Amino acid sequence: MGDAPSPEEKLHLITRNLQEVLGEEKLKEILKERELKVYWGTATTGKPHVAYFVPMSKIADFLKAGCEVTILFADLHAYLDNMKAPWELLELRTNYYENVIKAMLESIGVPLEKLKFVKGTDYQLSKEYTLDVYRLSSVVTQHDAKKAGAEVVKQVEHPLLSGLLYPGLQALDEEYLKVDAQFGGVDQRKIFTFAEKYLPALGYSKRVHLMNPMVPGLTGSKMSSSEEESKIDLLDRKEDVKKKLKKAFCEPGNVENNGVLSFIKHVLFPLKSEFVILRDEKWGGNKTYTAYLDLEKDFADEVILKEDVSPHWVVSAVGLSWQRGESSDPSGFFSLPEPVAKGPAKNSEPEEVIPSRLDIRVGKVISVDKHPDADSLYVEKIDVGEAEPRTVVSGLVQFVPEEELQDRLVVVLCNLKPQKMRGVESQGMLLCASLEGVDRKVEPLDPPAGSAPGERVFVKGYEKGQPDEELKPKKKVFEKLQADFKTSEDCIAQWKQTNFMTKLGCISCKSLKGGNIS
């Protein structure tokens, strides 16, 4: 056996790859005296997905550092969070989580005998804990409770009291689990600072807080159990993974909010330490990356594209999904049904996904500049009929010269949620036709001659509908509609073979027949 790690080595293992540590000096003092006691909790709501391997690999680091690690299956929290897990299903869903997470830990070599597993209801219904909940409620303001849960508890127009209790219970868990530190995602930060403020008010000590970065999903937003297309499920088959990859956000040269690269960085590299590009010699041949930053740089410089990373990405993702067959169940417990609450949900009618929900306008490009930090991106100022021009970032450097964009009339989607692209906020999307392949071609859509900035672009037959003020990323309204955007044999932009128009005529492109539009 080798020598036990020093306090400095333990600190490195505990904190490496974390985004933030609150109470690092206290952490150092504890490590000089004894082993750290730390817990990680997971509310038993939606099905665990492959992003759970991120905290799993961190738990492995804690054990290597000699920590005493407790894993909390927060069943009561799952009920309090807008009843994501109904009371009658708590036990079944908690058993599902316990089996899945133990299997994940074993699959990456984490010894289960060194871990302590606890259910929230084992102690959170005790007389002492309940009294502390009441004591805490007498000193916590409604404002602080709501603010603490803002990134974690489901936010609704008329929140339930249960959601306001959630942060207080998570704070009390630190005391009742007798730990020195709590580990979680950076989305838990407000709850952690809430605990640091209010536990001392009950006479309990302030704990250390260790925060992992959040893993962006395949669509660019947070990888979430509630957003199907953003995640790879542990039980996804190869065809499911391929389908999700096809829809994933992976714009050439763009490494910001890139769901495909994020999966490689946060999930595959920590577990496998390398990533292999498989391609024909005429396109550069195979290449093995042993450092993620090298891969990211090549992608930013467009040395590699989505098509290059896809083959190994799919194989790796399916590998994490247990590489099971069509109907096999490698350990028996995955066949447990994912429970559904009884009775129909209120307001359960599906939203109508129609083109009039998109705020598409004619725009005029006022200025074009190269992005200061990305050679493949332009930063454009576009007049869309508002008091000030909008800033729009687009990946057109390889396809359209600056002089062809300057003063050009274009078509802009204006009600997407603003998104930073390599540090510059993009306030819209410049719509283009494209033909995929080895020699990819891209052309901006053209409004009819004589159009003016701000004029509405609509699909024929849907001109009277009111667009959403802002498209919610989780609703996927644009993505669902965009799947049927094509150019006709006459190069007319269409949705389901119905023309995009303004009052002056049809939207078109210069020469791309049968192309996609995005």
Protein backbone atom coordinates (compact mmCIF):
# COMPACT_ATOMS: atom_id res chain seq x y z
CA MET A 1 0.00 0.00 0.00
CA GLY A 2 1.15 3.53 -0.77
CA ASP A 3 1.43 6.33 1.72
CA ALA A 4 -1.75 8.15 2.73
CA PRO A 5 -2.21 11.47 0.89
CA SER A 6 -1.05 14.63 2.63
CA PRO A 7 -3.55 17.38 3.58
CA GLU A 8 -2.43 19.30 0.48
CA GLU A 9 -2.98 16.27 -1.76
CA LYS A 10 -6.39 15.67 -0.15
CA LEU A 11 -7.33 19.31 -0.80
CA HIS A 12 -6.36 18.93 -4.46
CA LEU A 13 -8.45 15.78 -4.86
CA ILE A 14 -11.45 17.32 -3.10
CA THR A 15 -11.44 20.60 -5.04
CA ARG A 16 -10.22 19.67 -8.53
CA ASN A 17 -12.67 20.40 -11.36
CA LEU A 18 -15.04 22.21 -8.97
CA GLN A 19 -16.42 25.58 -10.04
CA GLU A 20 -16.46 27.10 -6.56
CA VAL A 21 -15.67 26.35 -2.91
CA LEU A 22 -17.26 28.30 -0.04
CA GLY A 23 -15.24 28.00 3.18
CA GLU A 24 -11.90 26.81 1.76
CA GLU A 25 -9.91 27.96 4.81
CA LYS A 26 -12.16 25.93 7.10
CA LEU A 27 -11.72 22.97 4.76
CA LYS A 28 -7.93 23.25 5.05
CA GLU A 29 -8.10 23.35 8.85
CA ILE A 30 -10.27 20.21 9.00
CA LEU A 31 -7.92 18.30 6.68
CA LYS A 32 -4.98 19.07 8.96
CA GLU A 33 -6.80 17.40 11.87
CA ARG A 34 -8.96 14.58 10.45
CA GLU A 35 -10.88 13.24 7.45
CA LEU A 36 -13.61 15.40 5.95
CA LYS A 37 -17.25 14.33 6.32
CA VAL A 38 -19.23 15.32 3.22
CA TYR A 39 -22.64 14.55 1.78
CA TRP A 40 -24.26 14.71 -1.65
CA GLY A 41 -28.04 14.70 -1.93
CA THR A 42 -30.30 13.98 -4.88
CA ALA A 43 -34.04 14.60 -4.92
CA THR A 44 -35.81 11.50 -6.28
CA THR A 45 -37.78 13.18 -9.08
CA GLY A 46 -37.09 12.45 -12.79
CA LYS A 47 -35.03 9.51 -14.05
CA PRO A 48 -31.25 9.84 -13.50
CA HIS A 49 -29.35 10.46 -16.75
CA VAL A 50 -25.69 10.25 -17.83
CA ALA A 51 -24.83 13.70 -16.43
CA TYR A 52 -25.10 12.03 -13.01
CA PHE A 53 -21.69 10.54 -13.81
CA VAL A 54 -20.25 14.02 -13.10
CA PRO A 55 -21.03 13.97 -9.34
CA MET A 56 -20.28 10.21 -9.31
CA SER A 57 -16.71 10.82 -10.50
CA LYS A 58 -16.35 13.58 -7.91
CA ILE A 59 -17.50 11.22 -5.17
CA ALA A 60 -14.69 8.92 -6.31
CA ASP A 61 -12.27 11.83 -5.71
CA PHE A 62 -13.68 12.33 -2.20
CA LEU A 63 -13.07 8.68 -1.35
CA LYS A 64 -9.51 8.84 -2.71
CA ALA A 65 -8.98 11.79 -0.37
CA GLY A 66 -10.13 9.66 2.58
CA CYS A 67 -13.45 11.49 3.06
CA GLU A 68 -16.41 9.94 4.86
CA VAL A 69 -19.13 10.25 2.21
CA THR A 70 -22.90 10.11 2.74
CA ILE A 71 -25.35 9.94 -0.17
CA LEU A 72 -28.81 11.26 0.67
CA PHE A 73 -31.84 10.14 -1.33
CA ALA A 74 -33.94 13.24 -0.68
CA ASP A 75 -37.39 11.70 -1.01
CA LEU A 76 -39.18 14.30 1.11
CA HIS A 77 -37.57 17.09 -0.93
CA ALA A 78 -38.93 15.47 -4.10
CA TYR A 79 -42.43 15.72 -2.64
CA LEU A 80 -41.98 19.32 -1.47
CA ASP A 81 -40.73 20.46 -4.91
CA ASN A 82 -44.20 21.06 -6.39
CA MET A 83 -44.99 17.36 -5.69
CA LYS A 84 -42.70 16.10 -8.47
CA ALA A 85 -42.84 12.76 -6.63
CA PRO A 86 -46.36 12.16 -5.21
CA TRP A 87 -46.44 10.86 -1.66
CA GLU A 88 -47.77 7.42 -2.58
CA LEU A 89 -44.87 6.92 -5.01
CA LEU A 90 -41.98 8.10 -2.81
CA GLU A 91 -40.78 4.65 -1.76
CA LEU A 92 -40.89 3.15 -5.25
CA ARG A 93 -39.09 6.08 -6.82
CA THR A 94 -36.47 6.19 -4.06
CA ASN A 95 -35.73 2.48 -4.56
CA TYR A 96 -35.32 3.16 -8.27
CA TYR A 97 -32.80 5.94 -7.56
CA GLU A 98 -30.87 3.86 -5.02
CA ASN A 99 -30.42 0.96 -7.44
CA VAL A 100 -29.50 3.15 -10.41
CA ILE A 101 -26.96 5.29 -8.54
CA LYS A 102 -25.31 2.30 -6.87
CA ALA A 103 -24.93 0.69 -10.30
CA MET A 104 -23.43 3.90 -11.74
CA LEU A 105 -20.91 4.09 -8.90
CA GLU A 106 -19.92 0.45 -9.31
CA SER A 107 -19.51 0.91 -13.08
CA ILE A 108 -16.72 3.47 -12.52
CA GLY A 109 -15.05 1.47 -9.76
CA VAL A 110 -16.35 3.28 -6.65
CA PRO A 111 -16.45 0.84 -3.68
CA LEU A 112 -19.97 0.98 -2.20
CA GLU A 113 -18.83 -0.31 1.20
CA LYS A 114 -17.07 3.02 1.81
CA LEU A 115 -20.29 4.99 1.32
CA LYS A 116 -23.22 5.60 3.65
CA PHE A 117 -26.68 5.71 2.02
CA VAL A 118 -29.52 7.53 3.80
CA LYS A 119 -33.15 8.34 2.92
CA GLY A 120 -34.49 11.72 3.96
CA THR A 121 -37.62 10.28 5.56
CA ASP A 122 -35.39 8.14 7.83
CA TYR A 123 -34.81 11.22 10.00
CA GLN A 124 -36.70 14.21 8.55
CA LEU A 125 -40.00 13.14 10.18
CA SER A 126 -38.49 12.89 13.67
CA LYS A 127 -39.70 15.11 16.52
CA GLU A 128 -36.34 16.90 16.79
CA TYR A 129 -36.03 17.64 13.08
CA THR A 130 -39.65 18.84 12.85
CA LEU A 131 -39.11 21.19 15.78
CA ASP A 132 -36.06 22.64 14.04
CA VAL A 133 -38.14 23.21 10.89
CA TYR A 134 -40.52 25.30 13.02
CA ARG A 135 -37.63 27.13 14.69
CA LEU A 136 -36.13 27.92 11.29
CA SER A 137 -39.47 29.16 9.94
CA SER A 138 -39.61 31.67 12.78
CA VAL A 139 -36.40 33.42 11.65
CA VAL A 140 -36.40 32.99 7.84
CA THR A 141 -38.13 35.61 5.71
CA GLN A 142 -40.38 34.66 2.80
CA HIS A 143 -38.08 36.65 0.50
CA ASP A 144 -34.98 34.68 1.54
CA ALA A 145 -36.72 31.30 1.27
CA LYS A 146 -38.02 32.05 -2.23
CA LYS A 147 -34.67 33.46 -3.37
CA ALA A 148 -32.77 30.42 -2.02
CA GLY A 149 -34.86 27.98 -4.01
CA ALA A 150 -35.06 30.02 -7.21
CA GLU A 151 -32.57 27.86 -9.18
CA VAL A 152 -33.70 24.49 -7.78
CA VAL A 153 -37.39 24.50 -6.83
CA LYS A 154 -39.84 24.57 -9.74
CA GLN A 155 -40.99 28.17 -10.18
CA VAL A 156 -44.71 28.72 -10.76
CA GLU A 157 -46.98 31.76 -10.72
CA HIS A 158 -48.62 30.80 -7.42
CA PRO A 159 -45.94 28.87 -5.46
CA LEU A 160 -46.92 26.39 -2.77
CA LEU A 161 -45.69 26.80 0.78
CA SER A 162 -43.88 23.46 0.42
CA GLY A 163 -41.42 25.02 -2.05
CA LEU A 164 -40.51 27.67 0.52
CA LEU A 165 -39.73 24.97 3.10
CA TYR A 166 -37.37 23.14 0.72
CA PRO A 167 -34.21 25.30 1.26
CA GLY A 168 -34.62 25.16 5.05
CA LEU A 169 -34.75 21.38 5.06
CA GLN A 170 -31.66 21.16 2.89
CA ALA A 171 -29.84 23.44 5.33
CA LEU A 172 -30.92 21.35 8.33
CA ASP A 173 -29.71 18.17 6.59
CA GLU A 174 -26.14 19.39 7.11
CA GLU A 175 -26.64 19.33 10.87
CA TYR A 176 -28.64 16.10 11.09
CA LEU A 177 -26.25 14.17 8.83
CA LYS A 178 -23.36 15.42 11.04
CA VAL A 179 -21.18 16.48 8.11
CA ASP A 180 -18.54 19.15 7.59
CA ALA A 181 -19.44 19.88 3.98
CA GLN A 182 -22.19 19.62 1.40
CA PHE A 183 -21.45 18.90 -2.27
CA GLY A 184 -23.72 19.86 -5.17
CA GLY A 185 -24.05 21.71 -8.46
CA VAL A 186 -23.47 25.44 -8.70
CA ASP A 187 -27.25 25.80 -9.17
CA GLN A 188 -27.45 25.04 -5.42
CA ARG A 189 -25.38 28.10 -4.51
CA LYS A 190 -28.28 30.18 -3.19
CA ILE A 191 -29.36 27.33 -0.92
CA PHE A 192 -25.78 26.95 0.31
CA THR A 193 -25.48 30.65 1.20
CA PHE A 194 -28.94 30.44 2.81
CA ALA A 195 -27.63 27.59 5.02
CA GLU A 196 -24.52 29.60 5.93
CA LYS A 197 -26.73 32.50 7.03
CA TYR A 198 -29.42 30.65 8.96
CA LEU A 199 -27.85 27.57 10.59
CA PRO A 200 -25.86 29.76 13.02
CA ALA A 201 -29.17 31.44 13.94
CA LEU A 202 -30.23 28.05 15.39
CA GLY A 203 -26.90 27.58 17.16
CA TYR A 204 -25.45 25.23 14.52
CA SER A 205 -22.12 25.68 12.77
CA LYS A 206 -21.59 26.95 9.24
CA ARG A 207 -20.53 24.21 6.80
CA VAL A 208 -18.15 24.09 3.80
CA HIS A 209 -19.84 24.03 0.37
CA LEU A 210 -18.34 22.37 -2.70
CA MET A 211 -19.85 23.15 -6.12
CA ASN A 212 -19.57 21.33 -9.43
CA PRO A 213 -20.16 23.23 -12.70
CA MET A 214 -23.53 22.57 -14.34
CA VAL A 215 -23.48 20.35 -17.41
CA PRO A 216 -25.17 22.05 -20.38
CA GLY A 217 -27.60 19.77 -22.16
CA LEU A 218 -27.54 18.75 -25.81
CA THR A 219 -29.78 21.70 -26.64
CA GLY A 220 -27.44 24.20 -24.97
CA SER A 221 -29.51 24.68 -21.81
CA LYS A 222 -29.07 22.75 -18.54
CA MET A 223 -29.15 18.96 -18.92
CA SER A 224 -32.41 18.19 -17.16
CA SER A 225 -34.55 15.14 -16.42
CA SER A 226 -37.62 17.17 -17.41
CA GLU A 227 -36.28 18.12 -20.85
CA GLU A 228 -36.12 14.92 -22.90
CA GLU A 229 -34.03 16.17 -25.83
CA SER A 230 -31.40 17.77 -23.56
CA LYS A 231 -30.17 14.52 -22.00
CA ILE A 232 -28.97 10.98 -22.66
CA ASP A 233 -30.93 8.54 -20.51
CA LEU A 234 -29.16 5.60 -18.93
CA LEU A 235 -31.50 3.31 -20.88
CA ASP A 236 -31.34 5.06 -24.26
CA ARG A 237 -30.67 2.73 -27.19
CA LYS A 238 -28.21 3.56 -29.95
CA GLU A 239 -30.94 4.83 -32.27
CA ASP A 240 -32.22 7.12 -29.48
CA VAL A 241 -28.73 8.56 -28.95
CA LYS A 242 -28.24 9.13 -32.70
CA LYS A 243 -31.59 10.92 -32.93
CA LYS A 244 -30.75 13.22 -30.01
CA LEU A 245 -27.29 13.96 -31.43
CA LYS A 246 -28.83 14.94 -34.77
CA LYS A 247 -30.95 17.59 -33.01
CA ALA A 248 -28.17 18.73 -30.66
CA PHE A 249 -26.82 22.28 -30.84
CA CYS A 250 -23.32 22.08 -32.34
CA GLU A 251 -22.76 25.11 -34.60
CA PRO A 252 -19.40 25.05 -36.45
CA GLY A 253 -16.78 27.09 -34.56
CA ASN A 254 -19.12 27.87 -31.65
CA VAL A 255 -17.96 26.40 -28.33
CA GLU A 256 -20.36 28.42 -26.13
CA ASN A 257 -23.42 26.47 -24.92
CA ASN A 258 -22.45 23.69 -27.33
CA GLY A 259 -24.29 20.64 -26.01
CA VAL A 260 -22.16 18.10 -27.88
CA LEU A 261 -18.83 19.54 -26.70
CA SER A 262 -20.16 20.00 -23.17
CA PHE A 263 -21.00 16.30 -23.00
CA ILE A 264 -17.45 15.44 -24.09
CA LYS A 265 -15.91 17.88 -21.57
CA HIS A 266 -17.99 17.15 -18.48
CA VAL A 267 -18.92 13.48 -18.92
CA LEU A 268 -16.65 11.62 -21.36
CA PHE A 269 -13.21 13.11 -20.61
CA PRO A 270 -13.39 12.74 -16.79
CA LEU A 271 -14.35 9.08 -17.22
CA LYS A 272 -12.30 8.03 -20.25
CA SER A 273 -9.41 10.58 -20.42
CA GLU A 274 -9.40 10.62 -24.22
CA PHE A 275 -11.58 11.19 -27.28
CA VAL A 276 -10.99 9.70 -30.72
CA ILE A 277 -11.89 11.30 -34.06
CA LEU A 278 -12.46 8.67 -36.78
CA ARG A 279 -12.39 10.02 -40.34
CA ASP A 280 -11.04 9.33 -43.83
CA GLU A 281 -7.41 10.21 -44.58
CA LYS A 282 -8.44 12.82 -47.14
CA TRP A 283 -10.19 14.75 -44.34
CA GLY A 284 -7.20 14.57 -42.01
CA GLY A 285 -7.35 10.97 -40.79
CA ASN A 286 -7.92 9.70 -37.25
CA LYS A 287 -6.86 11.78 -34.27
CA THR A 288 -6.80 11.04 -30.53
CA TYR A 289 -7.27 13.90 -28.04
CA THR A 290 -5.98 13.42 -24.50
CA ALA A 291 -6.76 17.00 -23.39
CA TYR A 292 -10.18 18.54 -23.84
CA LEU A 293 -8.84 22.06 -24.48
CA ASP A 294 -6.98 20.80 -27.56
CA LEU A 295 -10.23 19.37 -28.94
CA GLU A 296 -12.11 22.59 -28.13
CA LYS A 297 -9.48 24.71 -29.90
CA ASP A 298 -9.64 22.58 -33.05
CA PHE A 299 -13.43 22.83 -33.03
CA ALA A 300 -13.30 26.62 -32.55
CA ASP A 301 -10.89 26.85 -35.49
CA GLU A 302 -13.15 24.49 -37.51
CA VAL A 303 -10.38 21.94 -37.91
CA ILE A 304 -13.04 19.45 -36.75
CA LEU A 305 -16.84 19.62 -37.13
CA LYS A 306 -19.90 17.93 -35.63
CA GLU A 307 -19.63 15.22 -38.29
CA ASP A 308 -16.11 14.38 -37.08
CA VAL A 309 -16.97 13.96 -33.40
CA SER A 310 -20.28 12.15 -33.95
CA PRO A 311 -19.14 8.50 -34.43
CA HIS A 312 -17.09 8.21 -31.20
CA TRP A 313 -19.59 10.41 -29.35
CA VAL A 314 -22.42 7.98 -30.10
CA VAL A 315 -20.35 4.92 -29.16
CA SER A 316 -19.28 6.53 -25.86
CA ALA A 317 -22.78 7.74 -24.98
CA VAL A 318 -24.29 4.33 -25.70
CA GLY A 319 -21.53 2.79 -23.58
CA LEU A 320 -22.64 4.92 -20.64
CA SER A 321 -26.20 3.82 -21.38
CA TRP A 322 -25.15 0.27 -20.42
CA GLN A 323 -24.85 -0.95 -24.06
CA ARG A 324 -27.94 -3.05 -23.54
CA GLY A 325 -29.89 -4.79 -26.26
CA GLU A 326 -33.35 -4.01 -27.60
CA SER A 327 -35.18 -5.26 -24.54
CA SER A 328 -32.52 -6.55 -22.14
CA ASP A 329 -32.20 -5.29 -18.60
CA PRO A 330 -28.63 -5.73 -17.31
CA SER A 331 -29.46 -5.78 -13.64
CA GLY A 332 -33.18 -6.34 -13.32
CA PHE A 333 -34.04 -3.18 -11.41
CA PHE A 334 -34.16 -0.87 -14.45
CA SER A 335 -37.49 -2.45 -15.35
CA LEU A 336 -39.10 -0.67 -12.41
CA PRO A 337 -41.76 1.57 -13.93
CA GLU A 338 -41.28 5.30 -13.79
CA PRO A 339 -44.43 6.16 -11.85
CA VAL A 340 -46.97 8.67 -13.09
CA ALA A 341 -49.32 10.52 -10.74
CA LYS A 342 -52.94 9.41 -10.90
CA GLY A 343 -55.50 11.47 -12.77
CA PRO A 344 -55.07 13.99 -15.58
CA ALA A 345 -52.85 17.00 -14.97
CA LYS A 346 -54.48 20.40 -14.84
CA ASN A 347 -54.18 22.40 -18.06
CA SER A 348 -52.74 19.29 -19.75
CA GLU A 349 -53.84 20.18 -23.30
CA PRO A 350 -50.74 20.40 -25.51
CA GLU A 351 -49.70 23.83 -26.69
CA GLU A 352 -50.37 24.55 -30.35
CA VAL A 353 -47.06 24.74 -32.22
CA ILE A 354 -47.75 26.92 -35.26
CA PRO A 355 -45.56 29.33 -37.30
CA SER A 356 -47.36 32.47 -36.09
CA ARG A 357 -45.68 32.00 -32.69
CA LEU A 358 -42.35 32.97 -34.30
CA ASP A 359 -41.47 36.68 -34.47
CA ILE A 360 -39.69 36.70 -37.84
CA ARG A 361 -38.92 40.08 -39.39
CA VAL A 362 -37.14 41.69 -42.28
CA GLY A 363 -33.85 43.17 -41.13
CA LYS A 364 -31.15 45.34 -42.67
CA VAL A 365 -27.50 44.72 -41.78
CA ILE A 366 -26.05 48.03 -40.54
CA SER A 367 -22.55 46.75 -39.74
CA VAL A 368 -20.52 43.52 -39.87
CA ASP A 369 -17.42 42.75 -37.78
CA LYS A 370 -15.43 39.65 -37.03
CA HIS A 371 -16.06 38.26 -33.53
CA PRO A 372 -13.10 39.33 -31.30
CA ASP A 373 -12.68 35.78 -29.91
CA ALA A 374 -13.95 33.48 -32.69
CA ASP A 375 -12.61 33.46 -36.23
CA SER A 376 -15.71 31.68 -37.59
CA LEU A 377 -18.26 34.19 -36.25
CA TYR A 378 -19.55 37.57 -37.37
CA VAL A 379 -21.04 40.15 -35.02
CA GLU A 380 -23.70 42.10 -36.93
CA LYS A 381 -25.81 45.12 -36.05
CA ILE A 382 -29.21 44.60 -37.69
CA ASP A 383 -32.10 47.06 -37.95
CA VAL A 384 -35.32 45.11 -37.33
CA GLY A 385 -37.61 48.15 -37.04
CA GLU A 386 -36.90 48.97 -33.39
CA ALA A 387 -35.43 52.08 -31.76
CA GLU A 388 -31.95 50.51 -31.72
CA PRO A 389 -30.40 47.86 -33.97
CA ARG A 390 -29.99 44.37 -32.51
CA THR A 391 -26.68 42.56 -32.08
CA VAL A 392 -26.74 39.20 -33.85
CA VAL A 393 -23.88 36.67 -33.85
CA SER A 394 -23.78 34.26 -36.79
CA GLY A 395 -21.38 31.57 -38.01
CA LEU A 396 -21.16 32.81 -41.61
CA VAL A 397 -17.49 33.74 -41.94
CA GLN A 398 -16.70 30.65 -44.03
CA PHE A 399 -19.73 31.10 -46.28
CA VAL A 400 -20.56 34.78 -46.86
CA PRO A 401 -18.00 37.62 -47.33
CA GLU A 402 -18.48 40.72 -45.15
CA GLU A 403 -19.17 42.91 -48.16
CA GLU A 404 -22.11 40.70 -49.18
CA LEU A 405 -23.72 41.12 -45.76
CA GLN A 406 -23.14 44.86 -45.37
CA ASP A 407 -26.39 46.79 -46.05
CA ARG A 408 -28.14 43.58 -47.12
CA LEU A 409 -31.80 42.85 -46.37
CA VAL A 410 -32.03 39.65 -44.31
CA VAL A 411 -34.58 37.58 -42.37
CA VAL A 412 -34.22 37.54 -38.57
CA LEU A 413 -35.91 35.44 -35.87
CA CYS A 414 -36.41 38.00 -33.09
CA ASN A 415 -38.05 36.22 -30.16
CA LEU A 416 -35.43 33.66 -29.20
CA LYS A 417 -34.04 34.04 -25.69
CA PRO A 418 -30.81 36.12 -25.96
CA GLN A 419 -27.75 33.89 -25.72
CA LYS A 420 -24.05 34.60 -25.31
CA MET A 421 -21.83 33.27 -28.08
CA ARG A 422 -18.16 33.37 -27.12
CA GLY A 423 -18.87 36.26 -24.75
CA VAL A 424 -21.07 38.38 -27.06
CA GLU A 425 -24.84 38.34 -26.49
CA SER A 426 -26.79 37.48 -29.63
CA GLN A 427 -30.29 39.00 -29.71
CA GLY A 428 -31.64 37.10 -32.68
CA MET A 429 -30.94 34.51 -35.37
CA LEU A 430 -30.14 35.38 -38.99
CA LEU A 431 -32.03 32.72 -40.93
CA CYS A 432 -30.16 30.93 -43.73
CA ALA A 433 -30.66 28.08 -46.17
CA SER A 434 -28.02 25.35 -46.18
CA LEU A 435 -27.07 22.18 -47.98
CA GLU A 436 -25.09 19.75 -45.81
CA GLY A 437 -22.27 17.56 -47.04
CA VAL A 438 -18.54 17.60 -47.59
CA ASP A 439 -18.79 20.96 -49.35
CA ARG A 440 -21.35 22.65 -47.08
CA LYS A 441 -23.15 25.62 -48.62
CA VAL A 442 -24.99 28.38 -46.74
CA GLU A 443 -26.99 31.34 -48.08
CA PRO A 444 -28.91 33.99 -46.09
CA LEU A 445 -32.61 34.14 -46.86
CA ASP A 446 -33.69 37.11 -48.98
CA PRO A 447 -36.86 39.18 -48.41
CA PRO A 448 -38.72 40.48 -51.48
CA ALA A 449 -37.23 43.56 -53.17
CA GLY A 450 -38.50 46.78 -51.62
CA SER A 451 -39.04 45.32 -48.15
CA ALA A 452 -38.41 47.53 -45.12
CA PRO A 453 -36.77 46.65 -41.79
CA GLY A 454 -39.31 45.45 -39.23
CA GLU A 455 -41.86 44.05 -41.71
CA ARG A 456 -43.44 40.82 -40.47
CA VAL A 457 -42.47 37.56 -42.16
CA PHE A 458 -45.20 34.91 -41.97
CA VAL A 459 -46.25 31.55 -43.34
CA LYS A 460 -49.17 31.87 -45.71
CA GLY A 461 -52.35 31.12 -43.80
CA TYR A 462 -50.84 32.05 -40.42
CA GLU A 463 -50.41 35.79 -40.89
CA LYS A 464 -52.93 36.82 -38.19
CA GLY A 465 -51.47 34.94 -35.21
CA GLN A 466 -49.66 36.74 -32.39
CA PRO A 467 -45.99 35.72 -31.83
CA ASP A 468 -44.77 34.73 -28.37
CA GLU A 469 -43.03 37.56 -26.53
CA GLU A 470 -40.06 35.21 -25.96
CA LEU A 471 -39.75 31.57 -26.94
CA LYS A 472 -39.08 29.41 -23.88
CA PRO A 473 -36.10 27.10 -24.55
CA LYS A 474 -37.72 24.17 -22.74
CA LYS A 475 -40.84 24.35 -24.93
CA LYS A 476 -38.77 23.78 -28.12
CA VAL A 477 -41.29 25.72 -30.25
CA PHE A 478 -38.73 26.87 -32.83
CA GLU A 479 -36.99 23.48 -32.98
CA LYS A 480 -40.29 21.66 -33.60
CA LEU A 481 -41.28 24.06 -36.38
CA GLN A 482 -37.78 24.31 -37.86
CA ALA A 483 -37.74 20.55 -38.54
CA ASP A 484 -40.16 21.28 -41.43
CA PHE A 485 -38.36 24.37 -42.79
CA LYS A 486 -37.10 23.70 -46.35
CA THR A 487 -36.39 25.50 -49.59
CA SER A 488 -38.40 24.42 -52.62
CA GLU A 489 -37.15 23.56 -56.11
CA ASP A 490 -37.75 27.25 -56.88
CA CYS A 491 -35.59 28.26 -53.86
CA ILE A 492 -38.63 29.54 -51.95
CA ALA A 493 -38.49 29.24 -48.14
CA GLN A 494 -41.32 27.03 -46.89
CA TRP A 495 -42.83 25.39 -43.83
CA LYS A 496 -44.53 22.11 -44.70
CA GLN A 497 -44.50 23.18 -48.38
CA THR A 498 -46.28 26.46 -47.56
CA ASN A 499 -44.42 29.66 -48.43
CA PHE A 500 -42.81 32.15 -46.06
CA MET A 501 -43.93 35.61 -47.16
CA THR A 502 -44.13 39.33 -46.47
CA LYS A 503 -46.83 41.61 -47.80
CA LEU A 504 -44.65 42.08 -50.91
CA GLY A 505 -44.11 38.43 -51.80
CA CYS A 506 -42.14 35.27 -50.99
CA ILE A 507 -38.94 34.75 -48.97
CA SER A 508 -36.27 32.99 -51.01
CA CYS A 509 -32.59 32.15 -51.25
CA LYS A 510 -30.20 32.58 -54.14
CA SER A 511 -29.59 29.02 -55.36
CA LEU A 512 -30.02 26.25 -52.74
CA LYS A 513 -32.85 23.91 -53.76
CA GLY A 514 -34.19 21.46 -51.18
CA GLY A 515 -32.04 22.93 -48.43
CA ASN A 516 -32.61 23.13 -44.70
CA ILE A 517 -33.35 26.47 -43.02
CA SER A 518 -31.86 27.47 -39.68
